[in-house]
C-alpha atoms as a PDB file:
ATOM      1  CA  MET A   1       8.439 -14.144  20.285  1.00  0.00           C
ATOM      2  CA  LYS A   2       8.725 -15.072  16.560  1.00  0.00           C
ATOM      3  CA  SER A   3       9.679 -12.349  13.981  1.00  0.00           C
ATOM      4  CA  GLU A   4       8.580 -12.093  10.624  1.00  0.00           C
ATOM      5  CA  SER A   5      11.779 -13.702   9.279  1.00  0.00           C
ATOM      6  CA  GLU A   6      10.324 -17.014  10.470  1.00  0.00           C
ATOM      7  CA  ILE A   7       8.126 -16.571   7.222  1.00  0.00           C
ATOM      8  CA  LYS A   8      10.070 -17.225   4.371  1.00  0.00           C
ATOM      9  CA  PHE A   9       9.416 -15.911   0.769  1.00  0.00           C
ATOM     10  CA  ALA A  10      11.372 -16.686  -2.582  1.00  0.00           C
ATOM     11  CA  SER A  11      14.767 -15.780  -2.306  1.00  0.00           C
ATOM     12  CA  THR A  12      15.333 -14.706  -5.927  1.00  0.00           C
ATOM     13  CA  ASN A  13      13.252 -13.546  -8.836  1.00  0.00           C
ATOM     14  CA  PRO A  14      12.126 -14.975 -11.072  1.00  0.00           C
ATOM     15  CA  GLY A  15       9.987 -18.091 -10.376  1.00  0.00           C
ATOM     16  CA  PRO A  16       9.374 -18.727  -6.613  1.00  0.00           C
ATOM     17  CA  SER A  17       8.948 -22.139  -5.421  1.00  0.00           C
ATOM     18  CA  LEU A  18       5.632 -23.555  -3.876  1.00  0.00           C
ATOM     19  CA  PRO A  19       6.744 -22.970  -0.394  1.00  0.00           C
ATOM     20  CA  ALA A  20       7.271 -18.962  -1.340  1.00  0.00           C
ATOM     21  CA  VAL A  21       3.779 -18.888  -2.675  1.00  0.00           C
ATOM     22  CA  VAL A  22       2.175 -20.653   0.301  1.00  0.00           C
ATOM     23  CA  ALA A  23       4.330 -18.265   2.612  1.00  0.00           C
ATOM     24  CA  ILE A  24       2.705 -15.392   0.697  1.00  0.00           C
ATOM     25  CA  SER A  25      -0.583 -16.491   1.481  1.00  0.00           C
ATOM     26  CA  SER A  26       0.184 -17.213   5.084  1.00  0.00           C
ATOM     27  CA  ALA A  27       1.582 -13.763   5.258  1.00  0.00           C
ATOM     28  CA  CYS A  28      -1.862 -12.252   4.215  1.00  0.00           C
ATOM     29  CA  ASP A  29      -3.754 -14.281   6.830  1.00  0.00           C
ATOM     30  CA  LEU A  30      -1.502 -12.810   9.392  1.00  0.00           C
ATOM     31  CA  LEU A  31      -2.004  -9.364   8.060  1.00  0.00           C
ATOM     32  CA  LEU A  32      -5.856  -9.506   8.189  1.00  0.00           C
ATOM     33  CA  GLU A  33      -6.023 -11.579  11.539  1.00  0.00           C
ATOM     34  CA  GLY A  34      -3.091  -9.866  13.590  1.00  0.00           C
ATOM     35  CA  GLU A  35      -3.886  -8.018  16.500  1.00  0.00           C
ATOM     36  CA  ILE A  36      -2.941  -4.357  16.334  1.00  0.00           C
ATOM     37  CA  LYS A  37      -0.211  -3.280  19.232  1.00  0.00           C
ATOM     38  CA  SER A  38       0.940  -0.159  17.908  1.00  0.00           C
ATOM     39  CA  CYS A  39       0.320   2.501  14.931  1.00  0.00           C
ATOM     40  CA  ASP A  40       3.035   5.164  14.400  1.00  0.00           C
ATOM     41  CA  PHE A  41       2.931   7.837  11.904  1.00  0.00           C
ATOM     42  CA  LEU A  42       5.885   7.063   9.469  1.00  0.00           C
ATOM     43  CA  PHE A  43       6.676  10.355   7.517  1.00  0.00           C
ATOM     44  CA  SER A  44       5.065  13.514   6.070  1.00  0.00           C
ATOM     45  CA  GLY A  45       4.005  13.309   2.452  1.00  0.00           C
ATOM     46  CA  SER A  46       0.983  13.871   0.079  1.00  0.00           C
ATOM     47  CA  ASN A  47      -0.835  10.780   2.092  1.00  0.00           C
ATOM     48  CA  ASP A  48      -0.664   9.606   5.495  1.00  0.00           C
ATOM     49  CA  VAL A  49       1.261   6.358   6.021  1.00  0.00           C
ATOM     50  CA  PHE A  50       1.820   4.500   9.344  1.00  0.00           C
ATOM     51  CA  LEU A  51       3.950   1.794  10.693  1.00  0.00           C
ATOM     52  CA  VAL A  52       2.174  -0.792  12.460  1.00  0.00           C
ATOM     53  CA  THR A  53       3.143  -3.533  14.829  1.00  0.00           C
ATOM     54  CA  LEU A  54       0.650  -6.844  14.531  1.00  0.00           C
ATOM     55  CA  VAL A  55       0.746  -9.851  16.826  1.00  0.00           C
ATOM     56  CA  ARG A  56      -0.792 -13.036  16.302  1.00  0.00           C
ATOM     57  CA  ASP A  57       0.282 -16.552  17.759  1.00  0.00           C
ATOM     58  CA  LYS A  58       3.321 -15.069  19.308  1.00  0.00           C
ATOM     59  CA  MET A  59       4.539 -13.559  16.130  1.00  0.00           C
ATOM     60  CA  GLU A  60       5.160  -9.994  15.917  1.00  0.00           C
ATOM     61  CA  ILE A  61       5.842  -8.291  12.408  1.00  0.00           C
ATOM     62  CA  LYS A  62       5.775  -4.652  11.076  1.00  0.00           C
ATOM     63  CA  VAL A  63       3.469  -3.519   8.199  1.00  0.00           C
ATOM     64  CA  ILE A  64       2.482  -0.287   6.425  1.00  0.00           C
ATOM     65  CA  TYR A  65      -0.806   0.993   6.720  1.00  0.00           C
ATOM     66  CA  LYS A  66      -2.248   3.441   4.756  1.00  0.00           C
ATOM     67  CA  PRO A  67      -5.656   4.341   5.496  1.00  0.00           C
ATOM     68  CA  ARG A  68      -8.467   5.774   2.982  1.00  0.00           C
ATOM     69  CA  ARG A  69      -8.870   8.788   5.075  1.00  0.00           C
ATOM     70  CA  GLY A  70      -5.416   9.919   5.033  1.00  0.00           C
ATOM     71  CA  GLU A  71      -5.598  10.101   1.026  1.00  0.00           C
ATOM     72  CA  ALA A  72      -5.042  13.596  -0.370  1.00  0.00           C
ATOM     73  CA  PRO A  73      -7.588  14.306  -3.269  1.00  0.00           C
ATOM     74  CA  LEU A  74      -6.086  14.281  -6.592  1.00  0.00           C
ATOM     75  CA  TRP A  75      -7.626  15.576  -9.863  1.00  0.00           C
ATOM     76  CA  ASP A  76      -7.274  12.530 -11.924  1.00  0.00           C
ATOM     77  CA  PHE A  77      -8.038   9.608  -9.424  1.00  0.00           C
ATOM     78  CA  PRO A  78     -11.530   9.231  -7.689  1.00  0.00           C
ATOM     79  CA  ASP A  79     -11.217  10.276  -3.989  1.00  0.00           C
ATOM     80  CA  GLY A  80     -10.337   7.495  -1.656  1.00  0.00           C
ATOM     81  CA  THR A  81      -9.645   4.870  -3.922  1.00  0.00           C
ATOM     82  CA  LEU A  82      -5.887   4.758  -3.631  1.00  0.00           C
ATOM     83  CA  TYR A  83      -5.754   2.042  -1.119  1.00  0.00           C
ATOM     84  CA  SER A  84      -7.793  -0.297  -3.048  1.00  0.00           C
ATOM     85  CA  ARG A  85      -5.733   0.054  -6.030  1.00  0.00           C
ATOM     86  CA  GLU A  86      -2.809  -0.935  -3.877  1.00  0.00           C
ATOM     87  CA  TYR A  87      -4.698  -4.214  -3.532  1.00  0.00           C
ATOM     88  CA  ALA A  88      -5.680  -4.806  -6.991  1.00  0.00           C
ATOM     89  CA  ALA A  89      -1.829  -4.371  -8.124  1.00  0.00           C
ATOM     90  CA  PHE A  90      -1.254  -6.992  -5.696  1.00  0.00           C
ATOM     91  CA  LEU A  91      -3.830  -9.223  -7.121  1.00  0.00           C
ATOM     92  CA  VAL A  92      -2.635  -8.740 -10.538  1.00  0.00           C
ATOM     93  CA  SER A  93       1.152  -9.428  -9.478  1.00  0.00           C
ATOM     94  CA  GLN A  94      -0.155 -12.813  -7.975  1.00  0.00           C
ATOM     95  CA  ALA A  95      -2.229 -13.676 -10.900  1.00  0.00           C
ATOM     96  CA  LEU A  96       0.707 -13.220 -13.188  1.00  0.00           C
ATOM     97  CA  GLU A  97       2.689 -15.139 -10.605  1.00  0.00           C
ATOM     98  CA  TRP A  98       5.353 -12.630 -10.761  1.00  0.00           C
ATOM     99  CA  TYR A  99       5.025 -11.935  -6.939  1.00  0.00           C
ATOM    100  CA  LEU A 100       6.787  -8.554  -7.265  1.00  0.00           C
ATOM    101  CA  ILE A 101       4.658  -6.944  -4.488  1.00  0.00           C
ATOM    102  CA  PRO A 102       4.960  -7.494  -0.646  1.00  0.00           C
ATOM    103  CA  PRO A 103       1.804  -9.441   0.945  1.00  0.00           C
ATOM    104  CA  THR A 104      -1.070  -6.949   0.680  1.00  0.00           C
ATOM    105  CA  VAL A 105      -4.621  -6.793   2.130  1.00  0.00           C
ATOM    106  CA  ILE A 106      -7.365  -4.410   2.900  1.00  0.00           C
ATOM    107  CA  ARG A 107      -8.581  -4.188   6.391  1.00  0.00           C
ATOM    108  CA  GLU A 108      -9.497  -1.911   9.180  1.00  0.00           C
ATOM    109  CA  GLY A 109      -6.902   0.084  11.234  1.00  0.00           C
ATOM    110  CA  PRO A 110      -6.911   2.631  14.058  1.00  0.00           C
ATOM    111  CA  PHE A 111      -7.778   5.179  11.382  1.00  0.00           C
ATOM    112  CA  GLY A 112     -10.311   3.267   9.541  1.00  0.00           C
ATOM    113  CA  ILE A 113      -9.941   1.091   6.505  1.00  0.00           C
ATOM    114  CA  GLY A 114      -7.157   0.973   4.157  1.00  0.00           C
ATOM    115  CA  SER A 115      -4.367  -1.057   2.856  1.00  0.00           C
ATOM    116  CA  MET A 116      -1.883  -3.201   4.925  1.00  0.00           C
ATOM    117  CA  GLN A 117       1.283  -4.511   3.437  1.00  0.00           C
ATOM    118  CA  TRP A 118       4.239  -6.274   4.659  1.00  0.00           C
ATOM    119  CA  PHE A 119       7.179  -4.434   5.986  1.00  0.00           C
ATOM    120  CA  VAL A 120      10.279  -5.197   3.795  1.00  0.00           C
ATOM    121  CA  ASP A 121      13.544  -5.006   5.955  1.00  0.00           C
ATOM    122  CA  THR A 122      15.864  -3.807   3.236  1.00  0.00           C
ATOM    123  CA  VAL A 123      19.582  -3.158   2.441  1.00  0.00           C
ATOM    124  CA  ASN A 124      18.663   0.317   0.536  1.00  0.00           C
ATOM    125  CA  GLY A 125      19.136   2.211   3.552  1.00  0.00           C
ATOM    126  CA  SER A 126      23.042   1.346   3.711  1.00  0.00           C
ATOM    127  CA  LYS A 127      23.707   0.777   0.056  1.00  0.00           C
ATOM    128  CA  PRO A 128      23.685   3.701  -2.626  1.00  0.00           C
ATOM    129  CA  TYR A 129      21.357   2.762  -5.654  1.00  0.00           C
ATOM    130  CA  SER A 130      24.334   2.541  -7.906  1.00  0.00           C
ATOM    131  CA  GLN A 131      25.386  -0.349  -5.875  1.00  0.00           C
ATOM    132  CA  LEU A 132      21.797  -2.411  -5.939  1.00  0.00           C
ATOM    133  CA  VAL A 133      22.272  -4.375  -9.330  1.00  0.00           C
ATOM    134  CA  TRP A 134      19.128  -6.478 -10.583  1.00  0.00           C
ATOM    135  CA  GLU A 135      18.803  -8.928 -13.114  1.00  0.00           C
ATOM    136  CA  PRO A 136      17.376  -7.532 -16.509  1.00  0.00           C
ATOM    137  CA  SER A 137      14.875 -10.411 -16.303  1.00  0.00           C
ATOM    138  CA  ILE A 138      13.574  -9.075 -13.343  1.00  0.00           C
ATOM    139  CA  LEU A 139      13.236  -5.552 -14.497  1.00  0.00           C
ATOM    140  CA  LYS A 140      11.574  -6.682 -17.083  1.00  0.00           C
ATOM    141  CA  ARG A 141       8.834  -7.981 -15.340  1.00  0.00           C
ATOM    142  CA  VAL A 142       8.435  -4.912 -13.470  1.00  0.00           C
ATOM    143  CA  ALA A 143       8.622  -2.965 -16.667  1.00  0.00           C
ATOM    144  CA  LEU A 144       5.756  -4.960 -18.140  1.00  0.00           C
ATOM    145  CA  PHE A 145       3.702  -4.996 -15.071  1.00  0.00           C
ATOM    146  CA  ASP A 146       3.918  -1.105 -14.755  1.00  0.00           C
ATOM    147  CA  TYR A 147       2.536  -1.070 -18.288  1.00  0.00           C
ATOM    148  CA  LEU A 148      -0.331  -3.538 -17.553  1.00  0.00           C
ATOM    149  CA  VAL A 149      -1.548  -1.653 -14.413  1.00  0.00           C
ATOM    150  CA  ASN A 150      -0.805   1.724 -15.976  1.00  0.00           C
ATOM    151  CA  ASN A 151       1.563   2.889 -13.036  1.00  0.00           C
ATOM    152  CA  ALA A 152       1.601   6.514 -13.032  1.00  0.00           C
ATOM    153  CA  ASP A 153       4.425   6.825 -10.326  1.00  0.00           C
ATOM    154  CA  ARG A 154       7.160   4.285 -10.548  1.00  0.00           C
ATOM    155  CA  LYS A 155      10.251   5.835  -8.917  1.00  0.00           C
ATOM    156  CA  ARG A 156      13.594   4.527  -8.171  1.00  0.00           C
ATOM    157  CA  GLY A 157      12.671   4.361  -4.397  1.00  0.00           C
ATOM    158  CA  HIS A 158      10.008   2.096  -5.028  1.00  0.00           C
ATOM    159  CA  PHE A 159      12.369  -0.797  -5.532  1.00  0.00           C
ATOM    160  CA  LEU A 160      13.338  -2.565  -2.429  1.00  0.00           C
ATOM    161  CA  GLU A 161      16.011  -5.234  -1.821  1.00  0.00           C
ATOM    162  CA  GLY A 162      15.276  -7.321   0.896  1.00  0.00           C
ATOM    163  CA  LYS A 163      18.074  -8.571   3.192  1.00  0.00           C
ATOM    164  CA  ASP A 164      17.469 -11.856   1.451  1.00  0.00           C
ATOM    165  CA  GLY A 165      18.407 -10.442  -2.058  1.00  0.00           C
ATOM    166  CA  ARG A 166      14.802 -10.289  -3.258  1.00  0.00           C
ATOM    167  CA  LEU A 167      13.465  -7.580  -5.182  1.00  0.00           C
ATOM    168  CA  TRP A 168      10.311  -6.062  -4.189  1.00  0.00           C
ATOM    169  CA  VAL A 169       8.255  -2.997  -5.490  1.00  0.00           C
ATOM    170  CA  VAL A 170       5.970  -0.620  -3.647  1.00  0.00           C
ATOM    171  CA  ASP A 171       3.540   2.079  -3.987  1.00  0.00           C
ATOM    172  CA  HIS A 172       1.061   1.220  -6.386  1.00  0.00           C
ATOM    173  CA  GLY A 173      -1.829   3.960  -5.284  1.00  0.00           C
ATOM    174  CA  LEU A 174      -1.556   5.457  -8.684  1.00  0.00           C
ATOM    175  CA  THR A 175      -2.543   2.828 -11.046  1.00  0.00           C
ATOM    176  CA  PHE A 176      -5.533   1.354 -13.155  1.00  0.00           C
ATOM    177  CA  ASN A 177      -6.722   4.606 -14.585  1.00  0.00           C
ATOM    178  CA  VAL A 178      -8.440   4.442 -17.780  1.00  0.00           C
ATOM    179  CA  VAL A 179      -6.263   7.088 -19.319  1.00  0.00           C
ATOM    180  CA  PRO A 180      -2.866   6.059 -20.324  1.00  0.00           C
ATOM    181  CA  LYS A 181      -0.606   7.534 -17.553  1.00  0.00           C
ATOM    182  CA  LEU A 182       2.545   5.341 -17.480  1.00  0.00           C
ATOM    183  CA  ARG A 183       5.217   7.446 -15.762  1.00  0.00           C
ATOM    184  CA  THR A 184       8.405   5.146 -14.777  1.00  0.00           C
ATOM    185  CA  VAL A 185      12.066   5.689 -14.374  1.00  0.00           C
ATOM    186  CA  LEU A 186      12.277   2.195 -16.084  1.00  0.00           C
ATOM    187  CA  TRP A 187      12.195   2.864 -19.732  1.00  0.00           C
ATOM    188  CA  ASP A 188      15.564   0.782 -20.398  1.00  0.00           C
ATOM    189  CA  PHE A 189      13.756  -1.826 -22.495  1.00  0.00           C
ATOM    190  CA  SER A 190      11.779   0.482 -24.718  1.00  0.00           C
ATOM    191  CA  GLY A 191      11.309  -0.888 -28.362  1.00  0.00           C
ATOM    192  CA  GLN A 192      12.781  -4.320 -27.235  1.00  0.00           C
ATOM    193  CA  ALA A 193      10.641  -7.641 -27.723  1.00  0.00           C
ATOM    194  CA  VAL A 194       8.978  -8.784 -24.807  1.00  0.00           C
ATOM    195  CA  PRO A 195      10.337 -12.405 -23.707  1.00  0.00           C
ATOM    196  CA  GLU A 196       8.211 -15.411 -24.798  1.00  0.00           C
ATOM    197  CA  GLY A 197       7.935 -16.398 -21.189  1.00  0.00           C
ATOM    198  CA  LEU A 198       6.290 -13.118 -19.844  1.00  0.00           C
ATOM    199  CA  LEU A 199       4.307 -13.057 -22.832  1.00  0.00           C
ATOM    200  CA  ALA A 200       2.856 -16.411 -21.809  1.00  0.00           C
ATOM    201  CA  ASP A 201       2.267 -15.363 -18.355  1.00  0.00           C
ATOM    202  CA  VAL A 202       0.246 -12.180 -19.708  1.00  0.00           C
ATOM    203  CA  LYS A 203      -1.672 -14.678 -22.105  1.00  0.00           C
ATOM    204  CA  ALA A 204      -2.761 -16.395 -18.762  1.00  0.00           C
ATOM    205  CA  LEU A 205      -3.488 -13.467 -17.101  1.00  0.00           C
ATOM    206  CA  GLN A 206      -6.106 -12.671 -19.944  1.00  0.00           C
ATOM    207  CA  ASP A 207      -7.800 -15.907 -19.416  1.00  0.00           C
ATOM    208  CA  LYS A 208      -8.020 -15.527 -15.534  1.00  0.00           C
ATOM    209  CA  LEU A 209      -9.674 -11.939 -16.371  1.00  0.00           C
ATOM    210  CA  SER A 210     -12.169 -13.703 -18.861  1.00  0.00           C
ATOM    211  CA  GLY A 211     -15.934 -14.276 -18.051  1.00  0.00           C
ATOM    212  CA  GLU A 212     -16.923 -14.242 -14.483  1.00  0.00           C
ATOM    213  CA  LYS A 213     -13.651 -15.715 -13.256  1.00  0.00           C
ATOM    214  CA  ARG A 214     -12.488 -14.826  -9.530  1.00  0.00           C
ATOM    215  CA  LEU A 215     -10.015 -12.576 -10.518  1.00  0.00           C
ATOM    216  CA  ARG A 216     -12.220 -10.215 -12.473  1.00  0.00           C
ATOM    217  CA  ARG A 217     -14.928 -10.561  -9.556  1.00  0.00           C
ATOM    218  CA  GLU A 218     -12.334  -9.392  -7.444  1.00  0.00           C
ATOM    219  CA  LEU A 219     -11.005  -6.549  -9.460  1.00  0.00           C
ATOM    220  CA  LEU A 220     -14.838  -5.286 -10.052  1.00  0.00           C
ATOM    221  CA  ARG A 221     -14.985  -5.092  -6.095  1.00  0.00           C
ATOM    222  CA  LEU A 222     -12.071  -2.488  -6.179  1.00  0.00           C
ATOM    223  CA  LEU A 223     -11.962  -0.988  -9.439  1.00  0.00           C
ATOM    224  CA  ASP A 224     -14.426   0.803 -11.821  1.00  0.00           C
ATOM    225  CA  PRO A 225     -15.722  -1.473 -14.788  1.00  0.00           C
ATOM    226  CA  ALA A 226     -14.211   0.802 -16.966  1.00  0.00           C
ATOM    227  CA  GLU A 227     -10.643   0.453 -15.477  1.00  0.00           C
ATOM    228  CA  VAL A 228     -11.073  -3.120 -15.741  1.00  0.00           C
ATOM    229  CA  GLU A 229     -11.873  -3.122 -19.177  1.00  0.00           C
ATOM    230  CA  ALA A 230      -8.910  -0.694 -19.770  1.00  0.00           C
ATOM    231  CA  LEU A 231      -6.717  -3.194 -18.141  1.00  0.00           C
ATOM    232  CA  GLU A 232      -7.941  -5.992 -20.620  1.00  0.00           C
ATOM    233  CA  PHE A 233      -7.430  -3.604 -23.420  1.00  0.00           C
ATOM    234  CA  ARG A 234      -3.614  -3.198 -22.579  1.00  0.00           C
ATOM    235  CA  ILE A 235      -3.212  -6.898 -22.088  1.00  0.00           C
ATOM    236  CA  LYS A 236      -4.943  -7.496 -25.371  1.00  0.00           C
ATOM    237  CA  LYS A 237      -2.400  -4.784 -27.003  1.00  0.00           C
ATOM    238  CA  ILE A 238       0.682  -6.448 -25.600  1.00  0.00           C
ATOM    239  CA  ILE A 239      -0.394  -9.910 -26.794  1.00  0.00           C
ATOM    240  CA  GLU A 240      -0.873  -8.366 -30.381  1.00  0.00           C
ATOM    241  CA  ARG A 241       2.347  -6.207 -30.489  1.00  0.00           C
ATOM    242  CA  PRO A 242       4.781  -7.925 -27.769  1.00  0.00           C
ATOM    243  CA  VAL A 243       7.164  -4.951 -27.395  1.00  0.00           C
ATOM    244  CA  PHE A 244       7.826  -2.768 -24.497  1.00  0.00           C
ATOM    245  CA  THR A 245       6.434   0.557 -24.922  1.00  0.00           C
ATOM    246  CA  SER A 246       8.194   3.680 -25.218  1.00  0.00           C
ATOM    247  CA  PRO A 247       8.012   7.074 -23.851  1.00  0.00           C
ATOM    248  CA  GLY A 248       5.082   9.443 -25.236  1.00  0.00           C
ATOM    249  CA  ALA A 249       5.050  12.930 -25.741  1.00  0.00           C
ATOM    250  CA  ARG A 250       3.597  13.676 -22.367  1.00  0.00           C
ATOM    251  CA  ARG A 251       5.656  13.749 -19.155  1.00  0.00           C
ATOM    252  CA  SER A 252       6.650  10.263 -18.776  1.00  0.00           C
ATOM    253  CA  VAL A 253       9.164  10.295 -15.856  1.00  0.00           C
ATOM    254  CA  PRO A 254       7.621  10.763 -12.318  1.00  0.00           C
ATOM    255  CA  TRP A 255       8.883  13.955 -10.218  1.00  0.00           C
ATOM    256  CA  PRO A 256      10.741  13.623  -8.067  1.00  0.00           C
ATOM    257  CA  TRP A 257      12.228  10.639  -9.803  1.00  0.00           C
ATOM    258  CA  ILE A 258      13.702   9.028  -6.680  1.00  0.00           C
END
């Protein structure tokens, strides 16, 4: 039986090749259509998370499954929406052509509808974070992405290095709030100018969200209209003043930070 290693993603960030993009699309099809063979509770936390085995066409893969019914209520996010925010963040990453988030879909599972995301086989477990070094150009993408999606929970443990050396970022349930909530451990670039290449990508994202284009329609199915408008406002703001944002007066680093 083939394994997930048969599907290759880009080996480095930024700028994956066309085959990598096609592979991500193929991986999403596999996530949507694979038969669920097992579903194991992964760890105890504020929300339920499961490790699922999917099989399709003699290929077996592992995925992370976060069902809506396993989401703990929050005072500042609508109940039962975190799984859809995970998928919305993936769509924005894809639209930017930054490919930061592992393939992600929404589908039914053993505990109802939820997000399913490609499991990243990492080196993090065998390396201390002090030895995990990534190019600043990659981290700038993550920092700008987190501002755009208004990520309220970017911890160090959300950075995953695949065994092919590629950086992925995960856990995007606390995103797209209409209230500014950026909390991150990645404030290294505060006050610096946004590189022209990243700014061009943000401008392209603005165009993809305009009118009744597909991305806007998809996000409106996942988020409240006011949250999509807030995303458009942040895009406009960074285009008008292309500088990495700085920590505000409110709590700007998540806890626990790792």
